[in-house]
Amino acid sequence: MTIKHSEADIIVKSPGRINLIGEHIDYNGGHVLPAAIDRKVTMWFRKKDTSICRVNSEDGGAFTFDIEQPLTISDTHWENYVLGVVDGIQKARPGKLAGFVLYYFE
């Protein structure tokens, strides 16, 4: 499923970055050099009137979950990134998150 640009309620773009560090320097108070890279992540969201969330990735992966049910760790690792963010939002603002459709691509 692809969400057309005009169907998205919210579009989020996040630029990529790296941190250049030496061995053991980051936790010993040394210098770290963050730098922007030419990669980014874009996500299109569309609100739904139900508690069901559907997440679609550019490579064809997809999964659904019910936002009103307890979230469980997935065996498919990339899904846990989304589930972790949803869990954090629910803990910070209980009852404020509704169902959505998300299309993720790079």
PDB file of N, CA and C in Angstrom:
ATOM      1  N   MET A   1       0.844  -1.181   0.000  1.00  0.00           N
ATOM      2  CA  MET A   1       0.000   0.000   0.000  1.00  0.00           C
ATOM      3  C   MET A   1       0.885   1.237   0.000  1.00  0.00           C
ATOM      4  N   THR A   2       0.603   2.166  -0.843  1.00  0.00           N
ATOM      5  CA  THR A   2       1.341   3.416  -0.905  1.00  0.00           C
ATOM      6  C   THR A   2       0.384   4.565  -0.616  1.00  0.00           C
ATOM      7  N   ILE A   3       0.795   5.436   0.263  1.00  0.00           N
ATOM      8  CA  ILE A   3       0.010   6.634   0.521  1.00  0.00           C
ATOM      9  C   ILE A   3       0.469   7.694  -0.475  1.00  0.00           C
ATOM     10  N   LYS A   4      -0.449   8.274  -1.187  1.00  0.00           N
ATOM     11  CA  LYS A   4      -0.100   9.362  -2.087  1.00  0.00           C
ATOM     12  C   LYS A   4       0.194  10.610  -1.270  1.00  0.00           C
ATOM     13  N   HIS A   5       1.075  11.433  -1.776  1.00  0.00           N
ATOM     14  CA  HIS A   5       1.475  12.653  -1.081  1.00  0.00           C
ATOM     15  C   HIS A   5       0.264  13.450  -0.615  1.00  0.00           C
ATOM     16  N   SER A   6      -0.747  13.547  -1.440  1.00  0.00           N
ATOM     17  CA  SER A   6      -1.933  14.338  -1.109  1.00  0.00           C
ATOM     18  C   SER A   6      -2.793  13.683  -0.030  1.00  0.00           C
ATOM     19  N   GLU A   7      -2.594  12.390   0.237  1.00  0.00           N
ATOM     20  CA  GLU A   7      -3.383  11.688   1.244  1.00  0.00           C
ATOM     21  C   GLU A   7      -2.753  11.737   2.632  1.00  0.00           C
ATOM     22  N   ALA A   8      -1.506  12.163   2.735  1.00  0.00           N
ATOM     23  CA  ALA A   8      -0.815  12.183   4.017  1.00  0.00           C
ATOM     24  C   ALA A   8      -1.297  13.359   4.869  1.00  0.00           C
ATOM     25  N   ASP A   9      -1.571  13.073   6.153  1.00  0.00           N
ATOM     26  CA  ASP A   9      -1.911  14.138   7.094  1.00  0.00           C
ATOM     27  C   ASP A   9      -0.646  14.811   7.615  1.00  0.00           C
ATOM     28  N   ILE A  10       0.403  14.026   7.784  1.00  0.00           N
ATOM     29  CA  ILE A  10       1.677  14.524   8.298  1.00  0.00           C
ATOM     30  C   ILE A  10       2.804  13.875   7.507  1.00  0.00           C
ATOM     31  N   ILE A  11       3.789  14.655   7.097  1.00  0.00           N
ATOM     32  CA  ILE A  11       4.988  14.131   6.447  1.00  0.00           C
ATOM     33  C   ILE A  11       6.185  14.523   7.311  1.00  0.00           C
ATOM     34  N   VAL A  12       6.985  13.537   7.691  1.00  0.00           N
ATOM     35  CA  VAL A  12       8.157  13.764   8.540  1.00  0.00           C
ATOM     36  C   VAL A  12       9.397  13.362   7.767  1.00  0.00           C
ATOM     37  N   LYS A  13      10.394  14.256   7.718  1.00  0.00           N
ATOM     38  CA  LYS A  13      11.673  13.945   7.077  1.00  0.00           C
ATOM     39  C   LYS A  13      12.776  14.118   8.113  1.00  0.00           C
ATOM     40  N   SER A  14      13.632  13.118   8.225  1.00  0.00           N
ATOM     41  CA  SER A  14      14.708  13.165   9.204  1.00  0.00           C
ATOM     42  C   SER A  14      16.037  12.925   8.494  1.00  0.00           C
ATOM     43  N   PRO A  15      16.941  13.909   8.548  1.00  0.00           N
ATOM     44  CA  PRO A  15      18.238  13.728   7.891  1.00  0.00           C
ATOM     45  C   PRO A  15      19.110  12.734   8.653  1.00  0.00           C
ATOM     46  N   GLY A  16      19.986  12.057   7.916  1.00  0.00           N
ATOM     47  CA  GLY A  16      20.898  11.111   8.534  1.00  0.00           C
ATOM     48  C   GLY A  16      22.117  11.805   9.101  1.00  0.00           C
ATOM     49  N   ARG A  17      22.759  11.177  10.089  1.00  0.00           N
ATOM     50  CA  ARG A  17      23.994  11.702  10.653  1.00  0.00           C
ATOM     51  C   ARG A  17      24.813  10.558  11.224  1.00  0.00           C
ATOM     52  N   ILE A  18      26.072  10.823  11.402  1.00  0.00           N
ATOM     53  CA  ILE A  18      26.984   9.860  12.004  1.00  0.00           C
ATOM     54  C   ILE A  18      27.763  10.560  13.109  1.00  0.00           C
ATOM     55  N   ASN A  19      28.318   9.793  14.018  1.00  0.00           N
ATOM     56  CA  ASN A  19      29.219  10.315  15.037  1.00  0.00           C
ATOM     57  C   ASN A  19      30.564   9.614  14.862  1.00  0.00           C
ATOM     58  N   LEU A  20      31.598  10.381  14.594  1.00  0.00           N
ATOM     59  CA  LEU A  20      32.943   9.830  14.485  1.00  0.00           C
ATOM     60  C   LEU A  20      33.596   9.892  15.860  1.00  0.00           C
ATOM     61  N   ILE A  21      33.990   8.722  16.351  1.00  0.00           N
ATOM     62  CA  ILE A  21      34.610   8.664  17.672  1.00  0.00           C
ATOM     63  C   ILE A  21      35.832   7.760  17.611  1.00  0.00           C
ATOM     64  N   GLY A  22      36.738   7.956  18.540  1.00  0.00           N
ATOM     65  CA  GLY A  22      37.863   7.039  18.703  1.00  0.00           C
ATOM     66  C   GLY A  22      37.496   5.992  19.739  1.00  0.00           C
ATOM     67  N   GLU A  23      38.294   4.972  19.872  1.00  0.00           N
ATOM     68  CA  GLU A  23      37.987   3.933  20.855  1.00  0.00           C
ATOM     69  C   GLU A  23      37.991   4.512  22.263  1.00  0.00           C
ATOM     70  N   HIS A  24      36.959   4.222  23.013  1.00  0.00           N
ATOM     71  CA  HIS A  24      36.800   4.586  24.423  1.00  0.00           C
ATOM     72  C   HIS A  24      36.711   6.095  24.663  1.00  0.00           C
ATOM     73  N   ILE A  25      36.712   6.898  23.621  1.00  0.00           N
ATOM     74  CA  ILE A  25      36.745   8.352  23.817  1.00  0.00           C
ATOM     75  C   ILE A  25      35.388   8.918  24.210  1.00  0.00           C
ATOM     76  N   ASP A  26      34.308   8.313  23.718  1.00  0.00           N
ATOM     77  CA  ASP A  26      32.991   8.884  23.970  1.00  0.00           C
ATOM     78  C   ASP A  26      32.618   8.855  25.443  1.00  0.00           C
ATOM     79  N   TYR A  27      32.985   7.847  26.183  1.00  0.00           N
ATOM     80  CA  TYR A  27      32.624   7.800  27.600  1.00  0.00           C
ATOM     81  C   TYR A  27      33.758   8.245  28.526  1.00  0.00           C
ATOM     82  N   ASN A  28      34.881   8.686  27.984  1.00  0.00           N
ATOM     83  CA  ASN A  28      35.985   9.221  28.781  1.00  0.00           C
ATOM     84  C   ASN A  28      36.122  10.733  28.628  1.00  0.00           C
ATOM     85  N   GLY A  29      35.095  11.375  28.119  1.00  0.00           N
ATOM     86  CA  GLY A  29      35.091  12.829  28.035  1.00  0.00           C
ATOM     87  C   GLY A  29      35.843  13.402  26.852  1.00  0.00           C
ATOM     88  N   GLY A  30      36.181  12.584  25.884  1.00  0.00           N
ATOM     89  CA  GLY A  30      36.904  13.077  24.714  1.00  0.00           C
ATOM     90  C   GLY A  30      35.973  13.703  23.698  1.00  0.00           C
ATOM     91  N   HIS A  31      36.535  14.118  22.606  1.00  0.00           N
ATOM     92  CA  HIS A  31      35.764  14.801  21.563  1.00  0.00           C
ATOM     93  C   HIS A  31      35.107  13.791  20.627  1.00  0.00           C
ATOM     94  N   VAL A  32      33.901  14.126  20.213  1.00  0.00           N
ATOM     95  CA  VAL A  32      33.147  13.343  19.242  1.00  0.00           C
ATOM     96  C   VAL A  32      32.767  14.293  18.120  1.00  0.00           C
ATOM     97  N   LEU A  33      32.859  13.843  16.881  1.00  0.00           N
ATOM     98  CA  LEU A  33      32.562  14.703  15.738  1.00  0.00           C
ATOM     99  C   LEU A  33      31.295  14.218  15.041  1.00  0.00           C
ATOM    100  N   PRO A  34      30.140  14.869  15.300  1.00  0.00           N
ATOM    101  CA  PRO A  34      28.933  14.525  14.555  1.00  0.00           C
ATOM    102  C   PRO A  34      28.988  15.161  13.160  1.00  0.00           C
ATOM    103  N   ALA A  35      28.428  14.465  12.187  1.00  0.00           N
ATOM    104  CA  ALA A  35      28.429  14.983  10.817  1.00  0.00           C
ATOM    105  C   ALA A  35      27.157  14.541  10.096  1.00  0.00           C
ATOM    106  N   ALA A  36      26.641  15.425   9.261  1.00  0.00           N
ATOM    107  CA  ALA A  36      25.493  15.093   8.417  1.00  0.00           C
ATOM    108  C   ALA A  36      25.953  14.195   7.272  1.00  0.00           C
ATOM    109  N   ILE A  37      25.071  13.315   6.826  1.00  0.00           N
ATOM    110  CA  ILE A  37      25.353  12.466   5.671  1.00  0.00           C
ATOM    111  C   ILE A  37      24.228  12.638   4.655  1.00  0.00           C
ATOM    112  N   ASP A  38      24.409  12.087   3.487  1.00  0.00           N
ATOM    113  CA  ASP A  38      23.456  12.295   2.400  1.00  0.00           C
ATOM    114  C   ASP A  38      22.308  11.278   2.408  1.00  0.00           C
ATOM    115  N   ARG A  39      21.938  10.779   3.556  1.00  0.00           N
ATOM    116  CA  ARG A  39      20.815   9.844   3.681  1.00  0.00           C
ATOM    117  C   ARG A  39      19.716  10.513   4.489  1.00  0.00           C
ATOM    118  N   LYS A  40      18.489  10.057   4.319  1.00  0.00           N
ATOM    119  CA  LYS A  40      17.382  10.574   5.120  1.00  0.00           C
ATOM    120  C   LYS A  40      16.288   9.525   5.198  1.00  0.00           C
ATOM    121  N   VAL A  41      15.406   9.721   6.130  1.00  0.00           N
ATOM    122  CA  VAL A  41      14.235   8.872   6.285  1.00  0.00           C
ATOM    123  C   VAL A  41      13.020   9.774   6.142  1.00  0.00           C
ATOM    124  N   THR A  42      12.045   9.321   5.384  1.00  0.00           N
ATOM    125  CA  THR A  42      10.804  10.066   5.216  1.00  0.00           C
ATOM    126  C   THR A  42       9.644   9.153   5.605  1.00  0.00           C
ATOM    127  N   MET A  43       8.706   9.711   6.362  1.00  0.00           N
ATOM    128  CA  MET A  43       7.530   8.948   6.776  1.00  0.00           C
ATOM    129  C   MET A  43       6.281   9.770   6.495  1.00  0.00           C
ATOM    130  N   TRP A  44       5.308   9.135   5.909  1.00  0.00           N
ATOM    131  CA  TRP A  44       4.016   9.759   5.651  1.00  0.00           C
ATOM    132  C   TRP A  44       2.998   9.105   6.585  1.00  0.00           C
ATOM    133  N   PHE A  45       2.253   9.914   7.297  1.00  0.00           N
ATOM    134  CA  PHE A  45       1.240   9.420   8.221  1.00  0.00           C
ATOM    135  C   PHE A  45      -0.141   9.860   7.772  1.00  0.00           C
ATOM    136  N   ARG A  46      -1.100   8.974   8.006  1.00  0.00           N
ATOM    137  CA  ARG A  46      -2.502   9.318   7.800  1.00  0.00           C
ATOM    138  C   ARG A  46      -3.280   8.834   9.023  1.00  0.00           C
ATOM    139  N   LYS A  47      -4.088   9.696   9.604  1.00  0.00           N
ATOM    140  CA  LYS A  47      -4.889   9.334  10.775  1.00  0.00           C
ATOM    141  C   LYS A  47      -5.995   8.368  10.374  1.00  0.00           C
ATOM    142  N   LYS A  48      -6.383   7.518  11.333  1.00  0.00           N
ATOM    143  CA  LYS A  48      -7.505   6.602  11.130  1.00  0.00           C
ATOM    144  C   LYS A  48      -8.513   6.790  12.244  1.00  0.00           C
ATOM    145  N   ASP A  49      -9.735   6.387  11.998  1.00  0.00           N
ATOM    146  CA  ASP A  49     -10.794   6.490  12.996  1.00  0.00           C
ATOM    147  C   ASP A  49     -10.915   5.232  13.844  1.00  0.00           C
ATOM    148  N   THR A  50      -9.982   4.297  13.682  1.00  0.00           N
ATOM    149  CA  THR A  50      -9.993   3.065  14.460  1.00  0.00           C
ATOM    150  C   THR A  50      -8.718   2.986  15.290  1.00  0.00           C
ATOM    151  N   SER A  51      -8.586   1.941  16.083  1.00  0.00           N
ATOM    152  CA  SER A  51      -7.385   1.748  16.901  1.00  0.00           C
ATOM    153  C   SER A  51      -6.333   0.912  16.179  1.00  0.00           C
ATOM    154  N   ILE A  52      -6.611   0.506  14.960  1.00  0.00           N
ATOM    155  CA  ILE A  52      -5.675  -0.319  14.200  1.00  0.00           C
ATOM    156  C   ILE A  52      -4.639   0.561  13.516  1.00  0.00           C
ATOM    157  N   CYS A  53      -3.373   0.183  13.644  1.00  0.00           N
ATOM    158  CA  CYS A  53      -2.267   0.889  12.990  1.00  0.00           C
ATOM    159  C   CYS A  53      -1.664  -0.033  11.943  1.00  0.00           C
ATOM    160  N   ARG A  54      -1.347   0.520  10.792  1.00  0.00           N
ATOM    161  CA  ARG A  54      -0.700  -0.241   9.722  1.00  0.00           C
ATOM    162  C   ARG A  54       0.570   0.496   9.336  1.00  0.00           C
ATOM    163  N   VAL A  55       1.686  -0.243   9.343  1.00  0.00           N
ATOM    164  CA  VAL A  55       2.992   0.312   9.005  1.00  0.00           C
ATOM    165  C   VAL A  55       3.482  -0.376   7.748  1.00  0.00           C
ATOM    166  N   ASN A  56       3.869   0.418   6.742  1.00  0.00           N
ATOM    167  CA  ASN A  56       4.327  -0.098   5.457  1.00  0.00           C
ATOM    168  C   ASN A  56       5.724   0.436   5.184  1.00  0.00           C
ATOM    169  N   SER A  57       6.626  -0.428   4.735  1.00  0.00           N
ATOM    170  CA  SER A  57       7.966   0.039   4.380  1.00  0.00           C
ATOM    171  C   SER A  57       8.136   0.022   2.871  1.00  0.00           C
ATOM    172  N   GLU A  58       9.093   0.783   2.417  1.00  0.00           N
ATOM    173  CA  GLU A  58       9.360   0.916   0.993  1.00  0.00           C
ATOM    174  C   GLU A  58       9.658  -0.426   0.330  1.00  0.00           C
ATOM    175  N   ASP A  59      10.303  -1.326   1.058  1.00  0.00           N
ATOM    176  CA  ASP A  59      10.700  -2.602   0.465  1.00  0.00           C
ATOM    177  C   ASP A  59       9.595  -3.655   0.497  1.00  0.00           C
ATOM    178  N   GLY A  60       8.389  -3.255   0.871  1.00  0.00           N
ATOM    179  CA  GLY A  60       7.256  -4.182   0.834  1.00  0.00           C
ATOM    180  C   GLY A  60       6.906  -4.786   2.179  1.00  0.00           C
ATOM    181  N   GLY A  61       7.717  -4.576   3.195  1.00  0.00           N
ATOM    182  CA  GLY A  61       7.381  -5.072   4.521  1.00  0.00           C
ATOM    183  C   GLY A  61       6.207  -4.301   5.087  1.00  0.00           C
ATOM    184  N   ALA A  62       5.384  -4.978   5.862  1.00  0.00           N
ATOM    185  CA  ALA A  62       4.227  -4.322   6.464  1.00  0.00           C
ATOM    186  C   ALA A  62       3.798  -5.110   7.697  1.00  0.00           C
ATOM    187  N   PHE A  63       3.214  -4.402   8.655  1.00  0.00           N
ATOM    188  CA  PHE A  63       2.614  -5.078   9.796  1.00  0.00           C
ATOM    189  C   PHE A  63       1.520  -4.195  10.375  1.00  0.00           C
ATOM    190  N   THR A  64       0.638  -4.804  11.136  1.00  0.00           N
ATOM    191  CA  THR A  64      -0.438  -4.079  11.784  1.00  0.00           C
ATOM    192  C   THR A  64      -0.422  -4.401  13.274  1.00  0.00           C
ATOM    193  N   PHE A  65      -0.955  -3.473  14.051  1.00  0.00           N
ATOM    194  CA  PHE A  65      -1.141  -3.715  15.477  1.00  0.00           C
ATOM    195  C   PHE A  65      -2.291  -2.843  15.957  1.00  0.00           C
ATOM    196  N   ASP A  66      -2.852  -3.250  17.089  1.00  0.00           N
ATOM    197  CA  ASP A  66      -3.952  -2.514  17.695  1.00  0.00           C
ATOM    198  C   ASP A  66      -3.385  -1.658  18.808  1.00  0.00           C
ATOM    199  N   ILE A  67      -3.530  -0.363  18.694  1.00  0.00           N
ATOM    200  CA  ILE A  67      -2.930   0.568  19.649  1.00  0.00           C
ATOM    201  C   ILE A  67      -3.571   0.470  21.032  1.00  0.00           C
ATOM    202  N   GLU A  68      -4.751  -0.138  21.117  1.00  0.00           N
ATOM    203  CA  GLU A  68      -5.422  -0.301  22.402  1.00  0.00           C
ATOM    204  C   GLU A  68      -5.035  -1.588  23.111  1.00  0.00           C
ATOM    205  N   GLN A  69      -4.233  -2.426  22.464  1.00  0.00           N
ATOM    206  CA  GLN A  69      -3.759  -3.672  23.064  1.00  0.00           C
ATOM    207  C   GLN A  69      -2.309  -3.490  23.517  1.00  0.00           C
ATOM    208  N   PRO A  70      -1.867  -4.269  24.517  1.00  0.00           N
ATOM    209  CA  PRO A  70      -0.460  -4.173  24.937  1.00  0.00           C
ATOM    210  C   PRO A  70       0.474  -4.481  23.762  1.00  0.00           C
ATOM    211  N   LEU A  71       1.508  -3.672  23.597  1.00  0.00           N
ATOM    212  CA  LEU A  71       2.471  -3.884  22.517  1.00  0.00           C
ATOM    213  C   LEU A  71       3.433  -4.995  22.912  1.00  0.00           C
ATOM    214  N   THR A  72       3.794  -5.827  21.952  1.00  0.00           N
ATOM    215  CA  THR A  72       4.742  -6.911  22.207  1.00  0.00           C
ATOM    216  C   THR A  72       5.926  -6.783  21.256  1.00  0.00           C
ATOM    217  N   ILE A  73       7.058  -7.276  21.699  1.00  0.00           N
ATOM    218  CA  ILE A  73       8.271  -7.241  20.877  1.00  0.00           C
ATOM    219  C   ILE A  73       8.085  -8.154  19.673  1.00  0.00           C
ATOM    220  N   SER A  74       8.493  -7.674  18.518  1.00  0.00           N
ATOM    221  CA  SER A  74       8.360  -8.421  17.262  1.00  0.00           C
ATOM    222  C   SER A  74       9.632  -9.201  16.975  1.00  0.00           C
ATOM    223  N   ASP A  75       9.488 -10.306  16.273  1.00  0.00           N
ATOM    224  CA  ASP A  75      10.649 -11.072  15.801  1.00  0.00           C
ATOM    225  C   ASP A  75      11.288 -10.401  14.588  1.00  0.00           C
ATOM    226  N   THR A  76      10.569  -9.506  13.941  1.00  0.00           N
ATOM    227  CA  THR A  76      11.087  -8.747  12.809  1.00  0.00           C
ATOM    228  C   THR A  76      11.645  -7.441  13.355  1.00  0.00           C
ATOM    229  N   HIS A  77      12.962  -7.322  13.397  1.00  0.00           N
ATOM    230  CA  HIS A  77      13.617  -6.261  14.155  1.00  0.00           C
ATOM    231  C   HIS A  77      13.191  -4.850  13.771  1.00  0.00           C
ATOM    232  N   TRP A  78      13.018  -4.534  12.477  1.00  0.00           N
ATOM    233  CA  TRP A  78      12.704  -3.156  12.100  1.00  0.00           C
ATOM    234  C   TRP A  78      11.357  -2.717  12.659  1.00  0.00           C
ATOM    235  N   GLU A  79      10.452  -3.651  12.874  1.00  0.00           N
ATOM    236  CA  GLU A  79       9.148  -3.319  13.428  1.00  0.00           C
ATOM    237  C   GLU A  79       9.275  -2.763  14.845  1.00  0.00           C
ATOM    238  N   ASN A  80      10.292  -3.216  15.585  1.00  0.00           N
ATOM    239  CA  ASN A  80      10.473  -2.782  16.969  1.00  0.00           C
ATOM    240  C   ASN A  80      10.847  -1.308  17.084  1.00  0.00           C
ATOM    241  N   TYR A  81      11.442  -0.737  16.045  1.00  0.00           N
ATOM    242  CA  TYR A  81      11.726   0.700  16.066  1.00  0.00           C
ATOM    243  C   TYR A  81      10.424   1.483  16.143  1.00  0.00           C
ATOM    244  N   VAL A  82       9.454   1.099  15.339  1.00  0.00           N
ATOM    245  CA  VAL A  82       8.152   1.772  15.340  1.00  0.00           C
ATOM    246  C   VAL A  82       7.424   1.497  16.649  1.00  0.00           C
ATOM    247  N   LEU A  83       7.408   0.236  17.069  1.00  0.00           N
ATOM    248  CA  LEU A  83       6.707  -0.122  18.300  1.00  0.00           C
ATOM    249  C   LEU A  83       7.301   0.576  19.517  1.00  0.00           C
ATOM    250  N   GLY A  84       8.613   0.747  19.536  1.00  0.00           N
ATOM    251  CA  GLY A  84       9.271   1.442  20.643  1.00  0.00           C
ATOM    252  C   GLY A  84       8.879   2.901  20.728  1.00  0.00           C
ATOM    253  N   VAL A  85       8.782   3.563  19.576  1.00  0.00           N
ATOM    254  CA  VAL A  85       8.364   4.969  19.561  1.00  0.00           C
ATOM    255  C   VAL A  85       6.906   5.092  20.009  1.00  0.00           C
ATOM    256  N   VAL A  86       6.056   4.210  19.507  1.00  0.00           N
ATOM    257  CA  VAL A  86       4.645   4.225  19.907  1.00  0.00           C
ATOM    258  C   VAL A  86       4.531   3.998  21.410  1.00  0.00           C
ATOM    259  N   ASP A  87       5.282   3.053  21.945  1.00  0.00           N
ATOM    260  CA  ASP A  87       5.262   2.775  23.377  1.00  0.00           C
ATOM    261  C   ASP A  87       5.699   4.005  24.177  1.00  0.00           C
ATOM    262  N   GLY A  88       6.752   4.685  23.728  1.00  0.00           N
ATOM    263  CA  GLY A  88       7.221   5.889  24.411  1.00  0.00           C
ATOM    264  C   GLY A  88       6.182   6.995  24.399  1.00  0.00           C
ATOM    265  N   ILE A  89       5.507   7.185  23.273  1.00  0.00           N
ATOM    266  CA  ILE A  89       4.460   8.209  23.187  1.00  0.00           C
ATOM    267  C   ILE A  89       3.303   7.857  24.117  1.00  0.00           C
ATOM    268  N   GLN A  90       2.913   6.594  24.130  1.00  0.00           N
ATOM    269  CA  GLN A  90       1.806   6.184  24.997  1.00  0.00           C
ATOM    270  C   GLN A  90       2.140   6.378  26.475  1.00  0.00           C
ATOM    271  N   LYS A  91       3.386   6.130  26.856  1.00  0.00           N
ATOM    272  CA  LYS A  91       3.779   6.320  28.257  1.00  0.00           C
ATOM    273  C   LYS A  91       3.839   7.804  28.614  1.00  0.00           C
ATOM    274  N   ALA A  92       4.266   8.638  27.676  1.00  0.00           N
ATOM    275  CA  ALA A  92       4.376  10.077  27.927  1.00  0.00           C
ATOM    276  C   ALA A  92       3.015  10.775  27.904  1.00  0.00           C
ATOM    277  N   ARG A  93       2.132  10.304  27.029  1.00  0.00           N
ATOM    278  CA  ARG A  93       0.818  10.948  26.862  1.00  0.00           C
ATOM    279  C   ARG A  93      -0.264   9.872  26.731  1.00  0.00           C
ATOM    280  N   PRO A  94      -0.595   9.195  27.824  1.00  0.00           N
ATOM    281  CA  PRO A  94      -1.568   8.098  27.762  1.00  0.00           C
ATOM    282  C   PRO A  94      -2.892   8.535  27.129  1.00  0.00           C
ATOM    283  N   GLY A  95      -3.412   7.687  26.255  1.00  0.00           N
ATOM    284  CA  GLY A  95      -4.711   7.934  25.646  1.00  0.00           C
ATOM    285  C   GLY A  95      -4.731   8.965  24.540  1.00  0.00           C
ATOM    286  N   LYS A  96      -3.586   9.538  24.174  1.00  0.00           N
ATOM    287  CA  LYS A  96      -3.547  10.609  23.179  1.00  0.00           C
ATOM    288  C   LYS A  96      -3.274  10.114  21.760  1.00  0.00           C
ATOM    289  N   LEU A  97      -2.849   8.869  21.604  1.00  0.00           N
ATOM    290  CA  LEU A  97      -2.462   8.359  20.287  1.00  0.00           C
ATOM    291  C   LEU A  97      -3.593   7.525  19.710  1.00  0.00           C
ATOM    292  N   ALA A  98      -3.952   7.796  18.464  1.00  0.00           N
ATOM    293  CA  ALA A  98      -5.014   7.063  17.780  1.00  0.00           C
ATOM    294  C   ALA A  98      -4.407   6.210  16.661  1.00  0.00           C
ATOM    295  N   GLY A  99      -5.235   5.423  16.011  1.00  0.00           N
ATOM    296  CA  GLY A  99      -4.768   4.599  14.914  1.00  0.00           C
ATOM    297  C   GLY A  99      -4.228   5.428  13.770  1.00  0.00           C
ATOM    298  N   PHE A 100      -3.334   4.818  12.978  1.00  0.00           N
ATOM    299  CA  PHE A 100      -2.716   5.536  11.870  1.00  0.00           C
ATOM    300  C   PHE A 100      -2.236   4.553  10.810  1.00  0.00           C
ATOM    301  N   VAL A 101      -1.979   5.089   9.634  1.00  0.00           N
ATOM    302  CA  VAL A 101      -1.292   4.380   8.574  1.00  0.00           C
ATOM    303  C   VAL A 101       0.026   5.108   8.382  1.00  0.00           C
ATOM    304  N   LEU A 102       1.097   4.358   8.298  1.00  0.00           N
ATOM    305  CA  LEU A 102       2.438   4.927   8.130  1.00  0.00           C
ATOM    306  C   LEU A 102       3.096   4.280   6.922  1.00  0.00           C
ATOM    307  N   TYR A 103       3.654   5.108   6.053  1.00  0.00           N
ATOM    308  CA  TYR A 103       4.445   4.631   4.930  1.00  0.00           C
ATOM    309  C   TYR A 103       5.853   5.159   5.125  1.00  0.00           C
ATOM    310  N   TYR A 104       6.814   4.260   5.256  1.00  0.00           N
ATOM    311  CA  TYR A 104       8.196   4.610   5.557  1.00  0.00           C
ATOM    312  C   TYR A 104       9.075   4.330   4.334  1.00  0.00           C
ATOM    313  N   PHE A 105       9.915   5.280   3.978  1.00  0.00           N
ATOM    314  CA  PHE A 105      10.862   5.040   2.895  1.00  0.00           C
ATOM    315  C   PHE A 105      12.112   5.870   3.073  1.00  0.00           C
ATOM    316  N   GLU A 106      13.174   5.461   2.390  1.00  0.00           N
ATOM    317  CA  GLU A 106      14.463   6.173   2.446  1.00  0.00           C
ATOM    318  C   GLU A 106      14.705   6.909   1.163  1.00  0.00           C
TER     319      GLU A 106
END
